[in-house]
């Protein structure tokens, strides 16, 4: 009886890992993806990622750097970039985002008005 329980437990773990992997590296992750959006402290800069992924996040960061150069008064007041989305670790189909672009989740959170 114990061997049977261990055998089923092993297959349940393998199935769970397979579901997480498939949901993170196939079209499933794009269907359930949250839109990641960002802004500065006073909403004079606001932008969202179109597809997600590291390349889009780097584009957001570079556009914000350009914005700060064009608006030096904003840089003096508060040059931080804020995320406007909450972190939802229960959304296992987005765990690859946590792994491959953790910097986006380290930004301070600021609720949208």
C-alpha atoms as a PDB file:
ATOM      1  CA  UNK A   1       0.000   0.000   0.000  1.00  0.00           C
ATOM      2  CA  UNK A   2       2.803   2.443   0.867  1.00  0.00           C
ATOM      3  CA  UNK A   3       4.557   1.801  -2.445  1.00  0.00           C
ATOM      4  CA  UNK A   4       1.353   2.610  -4.289  1.00  0.00           C
ATOM      5  CA  UNK A   5       0.963   5.914  -2.427  1.00  0.00           C
ATOM      6  CA  UNK A   6       4.570   6.835  -3.181  1.00  0.00           C
ATOM      7  CA  UNK A   7       4.077   5.925  -6.811  1.00  0.00           C
ATOM      8  CA  UNK A   8       0.980   8.125  -7.088  1.00  0.00           C
ATOM      9  CA  UNK A   9       2.709  10.928  -5.196  1.00  0.00           C
ATOM     10  CA  UNK A  10       5.634  10.805  -7.608  1.00  0.00           C
ATOM     11  CA  UNK A  11       3.321  11.023 -10.620  1.00  0.00           C
ATOM     12  CA  UNK A  12       1.357  13.888  -9.087  1.00  0.00           C
ATOM     13  CA  UNK A  13       4.572  15.854  -8.587  1.00  0.00           C
ATOM     14  CA  UNK A  14       5.706  15.107 -12.147  1.00  0.00           C
ATOM     15  CA  UNK A  15       2.317  16.158 -13.511  1.00  0.00           C
ATOM     16  CA  UNK A  16       2.345  19.407 -11.497  1.00  0.00           C
ATOM     17  CA  UNK A  17       5.833  20.285 -12.735  1.00  0.00           C
ATOM     18  CA  UNK A  18       4.765  19.513 -16.309  1.00  0.00           C
ATOM     19  CA  UNK A  19       1.713  21.770 -16.021  1.00  0.00           C
ATOM     20  CA  UNK A  20       3.822  24.647 -14.675  1.00  0.00           C
ATOM     21  CA  UNK A  21       6.435  24.248 -17.409  1.00  0.00           C
ATOM     22  CA  UNK A  22       3.905  23.915 -20.219  1.00  0.00           C
ATOM     23  CA  UNK A  23       1.901  26.887 -18.986  1.00  0.00           C
ATOM     24  CA  UNK A  24       5.028  29.079 -18.768  1.00  0.00           C
ATOM     25  CA  UNK A  25       6.665  28.222 -22.086  1.00  0.00           C
ATOM     26  CA  UNK A  26       3.752  27.921 -24.512  1.00  0.00           C
ATOM     27  CA  UNK A  27       0.985  30.160 -25.791  1.00  0.00           C
ATOM     28  CA  UNK A  28      -0.901  29.576 -22.528  1.00  0.00           C
ATOM     29  CA  UNK A  29       1.310  32.088 -20.724  1.00  0.00           C
ATOM     30  CA  UNK A  30       0.437  34.778 -23.277  1.00  0.00           C
ATOM     31  CA  UNK A  31      -3.292  34.177 -23.032  1.00  0.00           C
ATOM     32  CA  UNK A  32      -3.389  34.708 -19.272  1.00  0.00           C
ATOM     33  CA  UNK A  33      -0.699  37.377 -19.032  1.00  0.00           C
ATOM     34  CA  UNK A  34      -1.264  40.485 -17.001  1.00  0.00           C
ATOM     35  CA  UNK A  35      -0.376  43.806 -18.593  1.00  0.00           C
ATOM     36  CA  UNK A  36       2.660  45.209 -16.816  1.00  0.00           C
ATOM     37  CA  UNK A  37       2.448  48.981 -16.568  1.00  0.00           C
ATOM     38  CA  UNK A  38       4.712  51.605 -15.042  1.00  0.00           C
ATOM     39  CA  UNK A  39       4.683  55.271 -14.138  1.00  0.00           C
ATOM     40  CA  UNK A  40       6.599  57.893 -12.265  1.00  0.00           C
ATOM     41  CA  UNK A  41       5.549  59.505  -9.002  1.00  0.00           C
ATOM     42  CA  UNK A  42       3.218  62.154 -10.487  1.00  0.00           C
ATOM     43  CA  UNK A  43       1.898  60.313 -13.574  1.00  0.00           C
ATOM     44  CA  UNK A  44       3.694  62.540 -16.083  1.00  0.00           C
ATOM     45  CA  UNK A  45       5.270  59.351 -17.470  1.00  0.00           C
ATOM     46  CA  UNK A  46       3.160  56.261 -17.951  1.00  0.00           C
ATOM     47  CA  UNK A  47       3.814  53.280 -20.181  1.00  0.00           C
ATOM     48  CA  UNK A  48       2.842  49.607 -20.428  1.00  0.00           C
ATOM     49  CA  UNK A  49       4.566  46.583 -21.891  1.00  0.00           C
ATOM     50  CA  UNK A  50       2.921  45.233 -25.003  1.00  0.00           C
ATOM     51  CA  UNK A  51       4.014  41.592 -24.990  1.00  0.00           C
ATOM     52  CA  UNK A  52       5.882  41.233 -21.761  1.00  0.00           C
ATOM     53  CA  UNK A  53       9.320  39.767 -21.552  1.00  0.00           C
ATOM     54  CA  UNK A  54      12.725  41.171 -20.787  1.00  0.00           C
ATOM     55  CA  UNK A  55      13.060  43.121 -24.074  1.00  0.00           C
ATOM     56  CA  UNK A  56       9.882  45.101 -23.403  1.00  0.00           C
ATOM     57  CA  UNK A  57      10.971  45.911 -19.870  1.00  0.00           C
ATOM     58  CA  UNK A  58      14.340  47.170 -21.112  1.00  0.00           C
ATOM     59  CA  UNK A  59      12.501  49.349 -23.648  1.00  0.00           C
ATOM     60  CA  UNK A  60      10.392  50.838 -20.843  1.00  0.00           C
ATOM     61  CA  UNK A  61      13.534  51.599 -18.832  1.00  0.00           C
ATOM     62  CA  UNK A  62      15.270  53.252 -21.775  1.00  0.00           C
ATOM     63  CA  UNK A  63      12.206  55.363 -22.597  1.00  0.00           C
ATOM     64  CA  UNK A  64      12.043  56.474 -18.984  1.00  0.00           C
ATOM     65  CA  UNK A  65      15.717  57.458 -19.089  1.00  0.00           C
ATOM     66  CA  UNK A  66      14.999  59.550 -22.208  1.00  0.00           C
ATOM     67  CA  UNK A  67      12.019  61.107 -20.434  1.00  0.00           C
ATOM     68  CA  UNK A  68      14.170  62.049 -17.440  1.00  0.00           C
ATOM     69  CA  UNK A  69      16.752  63.694 -19.701  1.00  0.00           C
ATOM     70  CA  UNK A  70      14.019  65.708 -21.405  1.00  0.00           C
ATOM     71  CA  UNK A  71      12.426  66.679 -18.070  1.00  0.00           C
ATOM     72  CA  UNK A  72      15.237  67.376 -15.583  1.00  0.00           C
ATOM     73  CA  UNK A  73      12.800  68.815 -13.022  1.00  0.00           C
ATOM     74  CA  UNK A  74      11.163  65.375 -12.783  1.00  0.00           C
ATOM     75  CA  UNK A  75      14.542  63.756 -12.173  1.00  0.00           C
ATOM     76  CA  UNK A  76      15.232  66.154  -9.306  1.00  0.00           C
ATOM     77  CA  UNK A  77      11.872  65.543  -7.628  1.00  0.00           C
ATOM     78  CA  UNK A  78      11.768  61.734  -7.876  1.00  0.00           C
ATOM     79  CA  UNK A  79      13.535  59.721 -10.560  1.00  0.00           C
ATOM     80  CA  UNK A  80      12.167  56.323  -9.524  1.00  0.00           C
ATOM     81  CA  UNK A  81      10.112  54.237 -11.874  1.00  0.00           C
ATOM     82  CA  UNK A  82       7.138  52.552 -10.179  1.00  0.00           C
ATOM     83  CA  UNK A  83       5.185  49.461 -11.145  1.00  0.00           C
ATOM     84  CA  UNK A  84       1.406  49.812 -11.092  1.00  0.00           C
ATOM     85  CA  UNK A  85       0.658  46.098 -10.962  1.00  0.00           C
ATOM     86  CA  UNK A  86       0.608  43.917  -7.879  1.00  0.00           C
ATOM     87  CA  UNK A  87       2.641  40.748  -7.621  1.00  0.00           C
ATOM     88  CA  UNK A  88       0.449  37.662  -7.770  1.00  0.00           C
ATOM     89  CA  UNK A  89       2.580  34.584  -7.041  1.00  0.00           C
ATOM     90  CA  UNK A  90      -0.422  32.265  -7.329  1.00  0.00           C
ATOM     91  CA  UNK A  91      -0.449  32.930 -11.123  1.00  0.00           C
ATOM     92  CA  UNK A  92       1.870  30.016 -11.865  1.00  0.00           C
ATOM     93  CA  UNK A  93       1.687  30.634 -15.632  1.00  0.00           C
ATOM     94  CA  UNK A  94       3.715  33.825 -15.072  1.00  0.00           C
ATOM     95  CA  UNK A  95       6.476  32.301 -12.954  1.00  0.00           C
ATOM     96  CA  UNK A  96       8.851  32.501 -15.919  1.00  0.00           C
ATOM     97  CA  UNK A  97       8.533  36.293 -15.696  1.00  0.00           C
ATOM     98  CA  UNK A  98       9.689  36.129 -12.069  1.00  0.00           C
ATOM     99  CA  UNK A  99      12.711  34.059 -13.118  1.00  0.00           C
ATOM    100  CA  UNK A 100      13.792  35.769 -16.353  1.00  0.00           C
ATOM    101  CA  UNK A 101      13.005  39.392 -15.494  1.00  0.00           C
ATOM    102  CA  UNK A 102      12.980  39.755 -11.706  1.00  0.00           C
ATOM    103  CA  UNK A 103      13.980  43.421 -11.904  1.00  0.00           C
ATOM    104  CA  UNK A 104      10.462  44.403 -12.940  1.00  0.00           C
ATOM    105  CA  UNK A 105       9.080  42.977  -9.685  1.00  0.00           C
ATOM    106  CA  UNK A 106      11.689  44.746  -7.544  1.00  0.00           C
ATOM    107  CA  UNK A 107      10.414  48.177  -8.548  1.00  0.00           C
ATOM    108  CA  UNK A 108       8.429  49.936  -5.830  1.00  0.00           C
ATOM    109  CA  UNK A 109       4.662  49.627  -6.132  1.00  0.00           C
ATOM    110  CA  UNK A 110       2.442  52.654  -6.607  1.00  0.00           C
ATOM    111  CA  UNK A 111      -1.303  52.224  -6.979  1.00  0.00           C
ATOM    112  CA  UNK A 112      -2.998  53.782  -9.973  1.00  0.00           C
ATOM    113  CA  UNK A 113      -5.178  56.756  -9.128  1.00  0.00           C
END
